[in-house]
C-alpha atoms as a PDB file:
ATOM      1  CA  MET A   1      65.902 116.854  96.828  1.00  0.00           C
ATOM      2  CA  ALA A   2      62.358 118.052  96.178  1.00  0.00           C
ATOM      3  CA  HIS A   3      59.353 115.840  96.736  1.00  0.00           C
ATOM      4  CA  PRO A   4      55.866 116.713  95.485  1.00  0.00           C
ATOM      5  CA  VAL A   5      53.357 117.232  98.265  1.00  0.00           C
ATOM      6  CA  PRO A   6      49.877 115.809  97.658  1.00  0.00           C
ATOM      7  CA  SER A   7      46.978 117.963  98.723  1.00  0.00           C
ATOM      8  CA  ALA A   8      45.782 117.450 102.241  1.00  0.00           C
ATOM      9  CA  PRO A   9      42.090 116.987 103.044  1.00  0.00           C
ATOM     10  CA  GLY A  10      39.912 120.088 102.672  1.00  0.00           C
ATOM     11  CA  ARG A  11      40.729 122.960 104.990  1.00  0.00           C
ATOM     12  CA  ARG A  12      38.205 124.292 107.438  1.00  0.00           C
ATOM     13  CA  THR A  13      37.459 127.980 107.174  1.00  0.00           C
ATOM     14  CA  ASN A  14      36.894 128.477 110.895  1.00  0.00           C
ATOM     15  CA  PRO A  15      39.170 131.111 112.440  1.00  0.00           C
ATOM     16  CA  PRO A  16      41.830 129.924 114.879  1.00  0.00           C
ATOM     17  CA  LEU A  17      40.646 129.506 118.428  1.00  0.00           C
ATOM     18  CA  PRO A  18      42.408 132.031 120.675  1.00  0.00           C
ATOM     19  CA  SER A  19      43.020 129.326 123.269  1.00  0.00           C
ATOM     20  CA  ALA A  20      44.574 126.980 120.690  1.00  0.00           C
ATOM     21  CA  ILE A  21      47.568 129.201 119.990  1.00  0.00           C
ATOM     22  CA  GLY A  22      49.704 131.481 122.033  1.00  0.00           C
ATOM     23  CA  ALA A  23      51.784 131.174 125.125  1.00  0.00           C
ATOM     24  CA  HIS A  24      49.660 128.625 126.940  1.00  0.00           C
ATOM     25  CA  VAL A  25      48.152 125.213 126.398  1.00  0.00           C
ATOM     26  CA  ALA A  26      44.476 125.069 125.477  1.00  0.00           C
ATOM     27  CA  PRO A  27      42.442 123.051 127.976  1.00  0.00           C
ATOM     28  CA  ALA A  28      41.488 119.571 126.865  1.00  0.00           C
ATOM     29  CA  PRO A  29      37.929 119.523 125.501  1.00  0.00           C
ATOM     30  CA  HIS A  30      37.024 116.293 127.287  1.00  0.00           C
ATOM     31  CA  THR A  31      38.297 113.820 129.814  1.00  0.00           C
ATOM     32  CA  ALA A  32      39.313 110.220 129.290  1.00  0.00           C
ATOM     33  CA  PRO A  33      36.813 107.483 130.129  1.00  0.00           C
ATOM     34  CA  ALA A  34      37.366 105.982 133.589  1.00  0.00           C
ATOM     35  CA  SER A  35      37.840 102.526 132.074  1.00  0.00           C
ATOM     36  CA  LEU A  36      41.079 103.448 130.266  1.00  0.00           C
ATOM     37  CA  PRO A  37      44.252 104.665 131.970  1.00  0.00           C
ATOM     38  CA  THR A  38      45.568 108.015 130.760  1.00  0.00           C
ATOM     39  CA  VAL A  39      49.161 108.744 129.764  1.00  0.00           C
ATOM     40  CA  GLU A  40      50.462 112.323 129.469  1.00  0.00           C
ATOM     41  CA  GLU A  41      52.926 112.939 126.610  1.00  0.00           C
ATOM     42  CA  ILE A  42      54.950 116.019 125.699  1.00  0.00           C
ATOM     43  CA  SER A  43      56.430 116.725 122.262  1.00  0.00           C
ATOM     44  CA  ALA A  44      58.192 119.683 120.698  1.00  0.00           C
ATOM     45  CA  GLY A  45      58.715 120.723 117.091  1.00  0.00           C
ATOM     46  CA  GLY A  46      57.631 123.408 114.741  1.00  0.00           C
ATOM     47  CA  VAL A  47      57.912 125.389 111.575  1.00  0.00           C
ATOM     48  CA  VAL A  48      61.424 125.565 110.074  1.00  0.00           C
ATOM     49  CA  VAL A  49      61.651 128.187 107.317  1.00  0.00           C
ATOM     50  CA  ASP A  50      64.275 128.446 104.572  1.00  0.00           C
ATOM     51  CA  THR A  51      64.844 132.182 104.070  1.00  0.00           C
ATOM     52  CA  SER A  52      67.952 131.831 101.884  1.00  0.00           C
ATOM     53  CA  ASP A  53      66.517 132.578  98.441  1.00  0.00           C
ATOM     54  CA  GLY A  54      63.625 134.968  99.056  1.00  0.00           C
ATOM     55  CA  GLU A  55      60.968 132.270  98.551  1.00  0.00           C
ATOM     56  CA  LEU A  56      60.002 131.318 102.089  1.00  0.00           C
ATOM     57  CA  LYS A  57      59.703 127.521 102.250  1.00  0.00           C
ATOM     58  CA  VAL A  58      58.851 125.256 105.182  1.00  0.00           C
ATOM     59  CA  ALA A  59      60.018 121.652 105.675  1.00  0.00           C
ATOM     60  CA  ILE A  60      57.167 119.230 106.453  1.00  0.00           C
ATOM     61  CA  ILE A  61      57.081 115.465 106.817  1.00  0.00           C
ATOM     62  CA  ALA A  62      54.673 112.728 105.790  1.00  0.00           C
ATOM     63  CA  ARG A  63      53.737 109.835 108.051  1.00  0.00           C
ATOM     64  CA  LEU A  64      51.416 106.898 107.560  1.00  0.00           C
ATOM     65  CA  ASN A  65      48.619 106.782 110.113  1.00  0.00           C
ATOM     66  CA  ARG A  66      47.417 103.503 111.630  1.00  0.00           C
ATOM     67  CA  GLY A  67      44.916 103.191 108.770  1.00  0.00           C
ATOM     68  CA  GLY A  68      47.697 103.519 106.187  1.00  0.00           C
ATOM     69  CA  ARG A  69      46.712 107.026 105.046  1.00  0.00           C
ATOM     70  CA  LEU A  70      49.488 109.531 104.280  1.00  0.00           C
ATOM     71  CA  GLU A  71      49.355 112.568 106.578  1.00  0.00           C
ATOM     72  CA  TRP A  72      51.517 115.663 106.074  1.00  0.00           C
ATOM     73  CA  CYS A  73      52.495 117.294 109.338  1.00  0.00           C
ATOM     74  CA  LEU A  74      54.993 119.481 111.144  1.00  0.00           C
ATOM     75  CA  PRO A  75      58.057 117.672 112.502  1.00  0.00           C
ATOM     76  CA  LYS A  76      57.972 116.998 116.244  1.00  0.00           C
ATOM     77  CA  GLY A  77      59.019 114.501 118.888  1.00  0.00           C
ATOM     78  CA  HIS A  78      59.611 113.793 122.547  1.00  0.00           C
ATOM     79  CA  PRO A  79      62.272 115.533 124.647  1.00  0.00           C
ATOM     80  CA  GLU A  80      65.030 113.140 125.688  1.00  0.00           C
ATOM     81  CA  GLY A  81      66.331 113.020 129.264  1.00  0.00           C
ATOM     82  CA  LYS A  82      66.549 116.525 130.738  1.00  0.00           C
ATOM     83  CA  GLU A  83      66.317 118.183 127.314  1.00  0.00           C
ATOM     84  CA  LYS A  84      64.294 121.416 127.248  1.00  0.00           C
ATOM     85  CA  ASN A  85      61.383 121.717 124.815  1.00  0.00           C
ATOM     86  CA  GLU A  86      63.336 124.199 122.685  1.00  0.00           C
ATOM     87  CA  GLU A  87      66.290 121.809 122.422  1.00  0.00           C
ATOM     88  CA  ALA A  88      63.976 118.916 121.573  1.00  0.00           C
ATOM     89  CA  ALA A  89      62.280 120.958 118.836  1.00  0.00           C
ATOM     90  CA  VAL A  90      65.598 121.785 117.147  1.00  0.00           C
ATOM     91  CA  ARG A  91      66.825 118.173 117.410  1.00  0.00           C
ATOM     92  CA  GLU A  92      63.561 116.575 116.267  1.00  0.00           C
ATOM     93  CA  ILE A  93      63.255 118.882 113.260  1.00  0.00           C
ATOM     94  CA  ALA A  94      66.840 118.027 112.254  1.00  0.00           C
ATOM     95  CA  GLU A  95      66.259 114.287 112.727  1.00  0.00           C
ATOM     96  CA  GLU A  96      62.953 114.157 110.849  1.00  0.00           C
ATOM     97  CA  THR A  97      63.741 116.605 108.022  1.00  0.00           C
ATOM     98  CA  GLY A  98      67.548 116.801 107.791  1.00  0.00           C
ATOM     99  CA  ILE A  99      67.323 120.584 108.289  1.00  0.00           C
ATOM    100  CA  ASP A 100      69.212 122.393 111.059  1.00  0.00           C
ATOM    101  CA  GLY A 101      67.686 125.551 112.476  1.00  0.00           C
ATOM    102  CA  ILE A 102      67.690 128.169 115.196  1.00  0.00           C
ATOM    103  CA  ILE A 103      64.605 129.228 117.125  1.00  0.00           C
ATOM    104  CA  LEU A 104      63.204 132.649 116.292  1.00  0.00           C
ATOM    105  CA  ALA A 105      60.046 132.581 118.425  1.00  0.00           C
ATOM    106  CA  PRO A 106      57.644 130.306 120.297  1.00  0.00           C
ATOM    107  CA  LEU A 107      54.393 129.633 118.423  1.00  0.00           C
ATOM    108  CA  GLY A 108      52.391 128.207 121.291  1.00  0.00           C
ATOM    109  CA  SER A 109      51.142 124.780 122.206  1.00  0.00           C
ATOM    110  CA  ILE A 110      48.352 122.470 121.130  1.00  0.00           C
ATOM    111  CA  ASP A 111      46.937 119.436 122.837  1.00  0.00           C
ATOM    112  CA  TYR A 112      44.834 116.500 121.742  1.00  0.00           C
ATOM    113  CA  TRP A 113      43.714 113.012 122.810  1.00  0.00           C
ATOM    114  CA  PHE A 114      44.029 109.629 121.115  1.00  0.00           C
ATOM    115  CA  THR A 115      43.743 105.994 122.128  1.00  0.00           C
ATOM    116  CA  VAL A 116      46.379 103.286 121.605  1.00  0.00           C
ATOM    117  CA  SER A 117      46.879  99.794 123.014  1.00  0.00           C
ATOM    118  CA  GLY A 118      44.298 100.033 125.766  1.00  0.00           C
ATOM    119  CA  HIS A 119      45.120 103.515 127.062  1.00  0.00           C
ATOM    120  CA  ARG A 120      44.280 107.117 126.279  1.00  0.00           C
ATOM    121  CA  VAL A 121      47.063 109.548 125.480  1.00  0.00           C
ATOM    122  CA  HIS A 122      46.784 113.255 126.249  1.00  0.00           C
ATOM    123  CA  LYS A 123      49.503 114.822 124.106  1.00  0.00           C
ATOM    124  CA  THR A 124      50.757 118.402 124.350  1.00  0.00           C
ATOM    125  CA  VAL A 125      52.964 119.694 121.541  1.00  0.00           C
ATOM    126  CA  HIS A 126      55.051 122.864 121.939  1.00  0.00           C
ATOM    127  CA  HIS A 127      55.741 124.585 118.613  1.00  0.00           C
ATOM    128  CA  TYR A 128      58.496 127.013 117.645  1.00  0.00           C
ATOM    129  CA  LEU A 129      59.353 129.099 114.600  1.00  0.00           C
ATOM    130  CA  LEU A 130      62.864 128.315 113.319  1.00  0.00           C
ATOM    131  CA  ARG A 131      65.088 129.715 110.586  1.00  0.00           C
ATOM    132  CA  ALA A 132      66.882 127.011 108.617  1.00  0.00           C
ATOM    133  CA  THR A 133      70.666 127.256 108.954  1.00  0.00           C
ATOM    134  CA  GLY A 134      71.776 124.249 106.902  1.00  0.00           C
ATOM    135  CA  GLY A 135      71.299 120.623 106.030  1.00  0.00           C
ATOM    136  CA  GLU A 136      69.533 118.772 103.232  1.00  0.00           C
ATOM    137  CA  LEU A 137      66.036 117.340 103.145  1.00  0.00           C
ATOM    138  CA  THR A 138      66.169 113.689 104.161  1.00  0.00           C
ATOM    139  CA  ILE A 139      64.280 111.216 106.313  1.00  0.00           C
ATOM    140  CA  GLU A 140      67.334 108.968 106.663  1.00  0.00           C
ATOM    141  CA  ASN A 141      68.251 110.402 110.096  1.00  0.00           C
ATOM    142  CA  ASP A 142      64.822 109.763 111.665  1.00  0.00           C
ATOM    143  CA  PRO A 143      65.662 107.213 114.391  1.00  0.00           C
ATOM    144  CA  ASP A 144      62.026 106.123 114.756  1.00  0.00           C
ATOM    145  CA  LYS A 145      61.527 105.804 110.988  1.00  0.00           C
ATOM    146  CA  GLU A 146      58.112 107.456 111.370  1.00  0.00           C
ATOM    147  CA  ALA A 147      58.629 109.924 108.519  1.00  0.00           C
ATOM    148  CA  VAL A 148      58.103 108.378 105.090  1.00  0.00           C
ATOM    149  CA  ASP A 149      58.673 111.564 103.075  1.00  0.00           C
ATOM    150  CA  VAL A 150      59.830 115.152 103.499  1.00  0.00           C
ATOM    151  CA  ALA A 151      59.250 118.230 101.349  1.00  0.00           C
ATOM    152  CA  TRP A 152      59.765 121.968 101.108  1.00  0.00           C
ATOM    153  CA  VAL A 153      56.431 123.792 100.808  1.00  0.00           C
ATOM    154  CA  PRO A 154      56.026 127.530 100.149  1.00  0.00           C
ATOM    155  CA  ILE A 155      54.816 129.155 103.369  1.00  0.00           C
ATOM    156  CA  THR A 156      51.855 130.585 101.459  1.00  0.00           C
ATOM    157  CA  GLU A 157      50.657 127.002 100.770  1.00  0.00           C
ATOM    158  CA  LEU A 158      51.641 125.458 104.096  1.00  0.00           C
ATOM    159  CA  ALA A 159      48.280 125.549 105.883  1.00  0.00           C
ATOM    160  CA  ARG A 160      46.581 124.032 102.836  1.00  0.00           C
ATOM    161  CA  LYS A 161      49.056 121.111 102.732  1.00  0.00           C
ATOM    162  CA  LEU A 162      48.958 120.140 106.412  1.00  0.00           C
ATOM    163  CA  SER A 163      46.550 117.332 107.366  1.00  0.00           C
ATOM    164  CA  PHE A 164      45.527 118.534 110.836  1.00  0.00           C
ATOM    165  CA  PRO A 165      43.518 121.693 111.675  1.00  0.00           C
ATOM    166  CA  ASN A 166      45.483 122.381 114.871  1.00  0.00           C
ATOM    167  CA  GLU A 167      48.759 122.402 112.888  1.00  0.00           C
ATOM    168  CA  ARG A 168      47.146 124.652 110.242  1.00  0.00           C
ATOM    169  CA  ARG A 169      46.503 127.202 112.992  1.00  0.00           C
ATOM    170  CA  ILE A 170      50.179 126.987 114.032  1.00  0.00           C
ATOM    171  CA  ALA A 171      51.188 127.457 110.352  1.00  0.00           C
ATOM    172  CA  ASP A 172      48.955 130.539 110.060  1.00  0.00           C
ATOM    173  CA  LEU A 173      50.505 131.994 113.209  1.00  0.00           C
ATOM    174  CA  ALA A 174      54.025 131.295 111.888  1.00  0.00           C
ATOM    175  CA  LYS A 175      53.226 133.138 108.657  1.00  0.00           C
ATOM    176  CA  GLU A 176      51.848 136.044 110.693  1.00  0.00           C
ATOM    177  CA  VAL A 177      54.851 136.464 113.039  1.00  0.00           C
ATOM    178  CA  LEU A 178      57.668 135.574 110.595  1.00  0.00           C
ATOM    179  CA  PRO A 179      58.050 139.130 109.173  1.00  0.00           C
ATOM    180  CA  GLU A 180      59.022 140.355 112.667  1.00  0.00           C
ATOM    181  CA  HIS A 181      62.031 137.998 112.556  1.00  0.00           C
ATOM    182  CA  LEU A 182      63.365 138.503 109.018  1.00  0.00           C
END
């Protein structure tokens, strides 16, 4: 089931920050104001690539932000119980996209801040490169019902379609390291 992917907002031409990708988490650029409590969150997800037909495609999801705007992003979510980040990435990608996969390589971590319901959230997301092993695109298995759409996007167009610069850097890194794993 193919879904058209609308263009994401214009892409910055700045090169990736070395500290934003790789084997460690980039330090947070600022601290939370003293008046708001801070919550630390961890998520895991990544870039799942369909290599079955020679055209390398990546499954991405669309979510509505709090302002109602559609944002295309990489699938991700919180580890459950004692689940490792790698296990959470595989499960979350399957839940949000319908696509099963196996991890080929870590792609590094990103972190960012946002405010909700009277507290600041410092979120760290661990990303992995996965090869799709089966399944069909669907958002029907997303238990949180956060995904409103899902689509295959050619890897060559992935960074241009994603809404967030930090995920574009992860997409560029995935495209760079994928040939080592084919």
